[in-house]
């Protein structure tokens, strides 16, 4: 199982990635082992994640999310409103 996640950085920017273990990956980002972007911007916390059956599906979804605007990324966290 793979996860696509959005991480909030210390400077309020967002980072999107994939992993098999959210807890381990966040610890890596915080330790400065998670990549150049999060090392430079300071990883804070994972604010969103989705499960995917395999790496291929997770990678496709990661690419989709990376193309979204910041507002649309943040909207992923909001529950859908029931239609009346």
N, C-alpha and C. Protein backbone atom coordinates (compact mmCIF):
# COMPACT_ATOMS: atom_id res chain seq x y z
N UNK A 1 0.83 -1.17 0.00
CA UNK A 1 0.00 0.00 0.00
C UNK A 1 0.88 1.24 0.00
N UNK A 2 0.45 2.23 -0.76
CA UNK A 2 1.16 3.50 -0.85
C UNK A 2 0.24 4.64 -0.42
N UNK A 3 0.85 5.70 0.03
CA UNK A 3 0.12 6.90 0.43
C UNK A 3 0.64 8.07 -0.39
N UNK A 4 -0.29 8.91 -0.82
CA UNK A 4 0.04 10.22 -1.38
C UNK A 4 -0.24 11.19 -0.23
N UNK A 5 0.67 12.11 0.02
CA UNK A 5 0.48 13.02 1.15
C UNK A 5 0.82 14.45 0.78
N UNK A 6 0.23 15.35 1.53
CA UNK A 6 0.58 16.77 1.44
C UNK A 6 1.12 17.17 2.81
N UNK A 7 2.28 17.77 2.78
CA UNK A 7 2.98 18.18 3.99
C UNK A 7 3.02 19.69 4.05
N UNK A 8 2.75 20.25 5.21
CA UNK A 8 2.87 21.70 5.39
C UNK A 8 4.27 21.98 5.94
N UNK A 9 4.92 22.94 5.32
CA UNK A 9 6.27 23.32 5.75
C UNK A 9 6.22 24.49 6.72
N UNK A 10 7.34 24.77 7.36
CA UNK A 10 7.43 25.84 8.35
C UNK A 10 7.07 27.20 7.77
N UNK A 11 7.35 27.38 6.48
CA UNK A 11 7.04 28.66 5.84
C UNK A 11 5.65 28.68 5.21
N UNK A 12 4.81 27.69 5.57
CA UNK A 12 3.41 27.55 5.13
C UNK A 12 3.26 27.06 3.70
N UNK A 13 4.36 26.73 3.03
CA UNK A 13 4.24 26.14 1.69
C UNK A 13 3.84 24.68 1.83
N UNK A 14 3.41 24.10 0.71
CA UNK A 14 2.95 22.72 0.70
C UNK A 14 3.86 21.87 -0.17
N UNK A 15 4.07 20.63 0.27
CA UNK A 15 4.89 19.67 -0.46
C UNK A 15 4.06 18.41 -0.64
N UNK A 16 4.05 17.84 -1.83
CA UNK A 16 3.31 16.61 -2.11
C UNK A 16 4.29 15.49 -2.43
N UNK A 17 4.05 14.31 -1.85
CA UNK A 17 4.92 13.18 -2.09
C UNK A 17 4.19 11.86 -1.93
N UNK A 18 4.92 10.75 -2.10
CA UNK A 18 4.35 9.42 -1.88
C UNK A 18 5.27 8.63 -0.96
N UNK A 19 4.70 7.66 -0.25
CA UNK A 19 5.45 6.83 0.68
C UNK A 19 4.65 5.57 1.01
N UNK A 20 5.32 4.61 1.60
CA UNK A 20 4.63 3.43 2.12
C UNK A 20 4.40 3.55 3.62
N UNK A 21 5.02 4.54 4.26
CA UNK A 21 4.93 4.71 5.71
C UNK A 21 4.94 6.20 6.05
N UNK A 22 3.77 6.74 6.39
CA UNK A 22 3.65 8.18 6.65
C UNK A 22 4.48 8.63 7.85
N UNK A 23 4.46 7.85 8.92
CA UNK A 23 5.20 8.23 10.12
C UNK A 23 6.70 8.29 9.86
N UNK A 24 7.23 7.26 9.20
CA UNK A 24 8.65 7.22 8.87
C UNK A 24 9.03 8.37 7.95
N UNK A 25 8.19 8.62 6.94
CA UNK A 25 8.51 9.66 5.96
C UNK A 25 8.51 11.04 6.59
N UNK A 26 7.55 11.32 7.47
CA UNK A 26 7.54 12.62 8.14
C UNK A 26 8.79 12.77 8.99
N UNK A 27 9.19 11.72 9.69
CA UNK A 27 10.41 11.77 10.50
C UNK A 27 11.63 12.04 9.61
N UNK A 28 11.67 11.43 8.44
CA UNK A 28 12.78 11.68 7.50
C UNK A 28 12.79 13.14 7.06
N UNK A 29 11.61 13.66 6.71
CA UNK A 29 11.54 15.07 6.30
C UNK A 29 12.03 15.98 7.43
N UNK A 30 11.55 15.73 8.65
CA UNK A 30 11.93 16.57 9.78
C UNK A 30 13.41 16.48 10.09
N UNK A 31 14.01 15.32 9.84
CA UNK A 31 15.44 15.13 10.08
C UNK A 31 16.31 15.71 8.97
N UNK A 32 15.68 16.20 7.90
CA UNK A 32 16.43 16.76 6.78
C UNK A 32 16.82 15.72 5.75
N UNK A 33 16.26 14.51 5.85
CA UNK A 33 16.57 13.44 4.91
C UNK A 33 15.47 13.23 3.88
N UNK A 34 14.51 14.12 3.81
CA UNK A 34 13.35 13.92 2.96
C UNK A 34 13.41 14.58 1.60
N UNK A 35 14.47 15.25 1.29
CA UNK A 35 14.57 15.91 -0.01
C UNK A 35 14.95 17.37 0.13
N UNK A 36 15.36 17.95 -0.97
CA UNK A 36 15.86 19.32 -0.97
C UNK A 36 14.80 20.33 -0.56
N UNK A 37 13.58 20.18 -1.08
CA UNK A 37 12.54 21.17 -0.81
C UNK A 37 12.22 21.25 0.68
N UNK A 38 11.93 20.09 1.28
CA UNK A 38 11.55 20.12 2.69
C UNK A 38 12.74 20.46 3.59
N UNK A 39 13.94 20.15 3.17
CA UNK A 39 15.13 20.53 3.95
C UNK A 39 15.24 22.06 3.97
N UNK A 40 14.96 22.69 2.85
CA UNK A 40 15.07 24.15 2.74
C UNK A 40 13.90 24.88 3.40
N UNK A 41 12.72 24.26 3.38
CA UNK A 41 11.51 24.95 3.85
C UNK A 41 11.04 24.49 5.23
N UNK A 42 11.64 23.45 5.78
CA UNK A 42 11.30 22.98 7.12
C UNK A 42 9.98 22.24 7.19
N UNK A 43 10.02 20.93 7.22
CA UNK A 43 8.80 20.11 7.29
C UNK A 43 8.14 20.27 8.66
N UNK A 44 6.82 20.44 8.68
CA UNK A 44 6.09 20.58 9.94
C UNK A 44 5.18 19.38 10.19
N UNK A 45 4.15 19.19 9.33
CA UNK A 45 3.24 18.08 9.56
C UNK A 45 2.51 17.69 8.28
N UNK A 46 2.08 16.45 8.25
CA UNK A 46 1.29 15.96 7.13
C UNK A 46 -0.15 16.40 7.37
N UNK A 47 -0.70 17.12 6.40
CA UNK A 47 -2.04 17.67 6.57
C UNK A 47 -3.09 16.92 5.75
N UNK A 48 -2.64 16.01 4.87
CA UNK A 48 -3.59 15.26 4.04
C UNK A 48 -2.89 14.01 3.52
N UNK A 49 -3.66 12.92 3.42
CA UNK A 49 -3.12 11.71 2.80
C UNK A 49 -4.24 10.89 2.18
N UNK A 50 -3.88 10.11 1.19
CA UNK A 50 -4.78 9.19 0.50
C UNK A 50 -4.07 7.84 0.37
N UNK A 51 -4.81 6.75 0.48
CA UNK A 51 -4.25 5.42 0.26
C UNK A 51 -4.42 5.00 -1.19
N UNK A 52 -3.41 4.30 -1.70
CA UNK A 52 -3.47 3.74 -3.05
C UNK A 52 -2.90 2.33 -3.02
N UNK A 53 -3.45 1.48 -3.87
CA UNK A 53 -3.09 0.06 -3.87
C UNK A 53 -1.66 -0.20 -4.31
N UNK A 54 -1.13 0.62 -5.21
CA UNK A 54 0.21 0.36 -5.73
C UNK A 54 0.93 1.66 -6.04
N UNK A 55 2.22 1.54 -6.30
CA UNK A 55 3.06 2.71 -6.56
C UNK A 55 2.62 3.46 -7.81
N UNK A 56 2.21 2.74 -8.82
CA UNK A 56 1.79 3.37 -10.07
C UNK A 56 0.59 4.29 -9.84
N UNK A 57 -0.42 3.80 -9.13
CA UNK A 57 -1.61 4.62 -8.85
C UNK A 57 -1.24 5.82 -7.99
N UNK A 58 -0.38 5.60 -7.01
CA UNK A 58 0.03 6.70 -6.13
C UNK A 58 0.81 7.76 -6.91
N UNK A 59 1.68 7.32 -7.80
CA UNK A 59 2.47 8.26 -8.60
C UNK A 59 1.59 9.09 -9.53
N UNK A 60 0.58 8.45 -10.12
CA UNK A 60 -0.35 9.20 -10.99
C UNK A 60 -1.10 10.25 -10.18
N UNK A 61 -1.58 9.86 -8.99
CA UNK A 61 -2.32 10.80 -8.16
C UNK A 61 -1.41 11.92 -7.65
N UNK A 62 -0.19 11.59 -7.30
CA UNK A 62 0.77 12.61 -6.87
C UNK A 62 0.94 13.66 -7.97
N UNK A 63 1.07 13.22 -9.21
CA UNK A 63 1.24 14.15 -10.33
C UNK A 63 -0.01 15.03 -10.49
N UNK A 64 -1.19 14.44 -10.30
CA UNK A 64 -2.43 15.23 -10.39
C UNK A 64 -2.46 16.31 -9.31
N UNK A 65 -2.14 15.92 -8.10
CA UNK A 65 -2.19 16.86 -6.98
C UNK A 65 -1.16 17.96 -7.17
N UNK A 66 0.02 17.62 -7.65
CA UNK A 66 1.06 18.63 -7.84
C UNK A 66 0.65 19.70 -8.85
N UNK A 67 -0.25 19.36 -9.76
CA UNK A 67 -0.72 20.33 -10.75
C UNK A 67 -1.82 21.25 -10.19
N UNK A 68 -2.39 20.92 -9.04
CA UNK A 68 -3.45 21.73 -8.46
C UNK A 68 -2.90 23.03 -7.88
N UNK A 69 -3.76 24.02 -7.81
CA UNK A 69 -3.38 25.27 -7.13
C UNK A 69 -3.34 25.01 -5.62
N UNK A 70 -2.73 25.91 -4.90
CA UNK A 70 -2.68 25.78 -3.44
C UNK A 70 -4.09 25.68 -2.85
N UNK A 71 -5.00 26.53 -3.31
CA UNK A 71 -6.37 26.51 -2.78
C UNK A 71 -7.04 25.16 -3.03
N UNK A 72 -6.82 24.59 -4.20
CA UNK A 72 -7.43 23.29 -4.49
C UNK A 72 -6.80 22.17 -3.67
N UNK A 73 -5.52 22.28 -3.40
CA UNK A 73 -4.88 21.31 -2.52
C UNK A 73 -5.48 21.39 -1.12
N UNK A 74 -5.64 22.60 -0.62
CA UNK A 74 -6.23 22.78 0.71
C UNK A 74 -7.68 22.31 0.74
N UNK A 75 -8.39 22.47 -0.38
CA UNK A 75 -9.79 22.04 -0.46
C UNK A 75 -9.92 20.52 -0.34
N UNK A 76 -8.88 19.78 -0.67
CA UNK A 76 -8.94 18.32 -0.52
C UNK A 76 -9.19 17.92 0.92
N UNK A 77 -8.79 18.74 1.84
CA UNK A 77 -8.94 18.43 3.27
C UNK A 77 -10.34 18.71 3.77
N UNK A 78 -11.10 19.50 3.08
CA UNK A 78 -12.44 19.87 3.54
C UNK A 78 -13.44 18.77 3.20
N UNK A 79 -14.30 18.43 4.13
CA UNK A 79 -15.33 17.42 3.84
C UNK A 79 -16.31 17.94 2.79
N UNK A 80 -16.82 17.03 1.99
CA UNK A 80 -17.83 17.42 1.00
C UNK A 80 -19.10 17.80 1.70
N UNK A 81 -19.74 18.86 1.23
CA UNK A 81 -21.01 19.28 1.80
C UNK A 81 -22.14 18.47 1.17
N UNK A 82 -23.08 18.08 1.98
CA UNK A 82 -24.22 17.31 1.50
C UNK A 82 -25.12 18.21 0.65
N UNK A 83 -25.57 17.67 -0.46
CA UNK A 83 -26.47 18.43 -1.34
C UNK A 83 -27.87 18.43 -0.74
N UNK A 84 -28.51 19.56 -0.79
CA UNK A 84 -29.89 19.67 -0.25
C UNK A 84 -30.88 19.84 -1.37
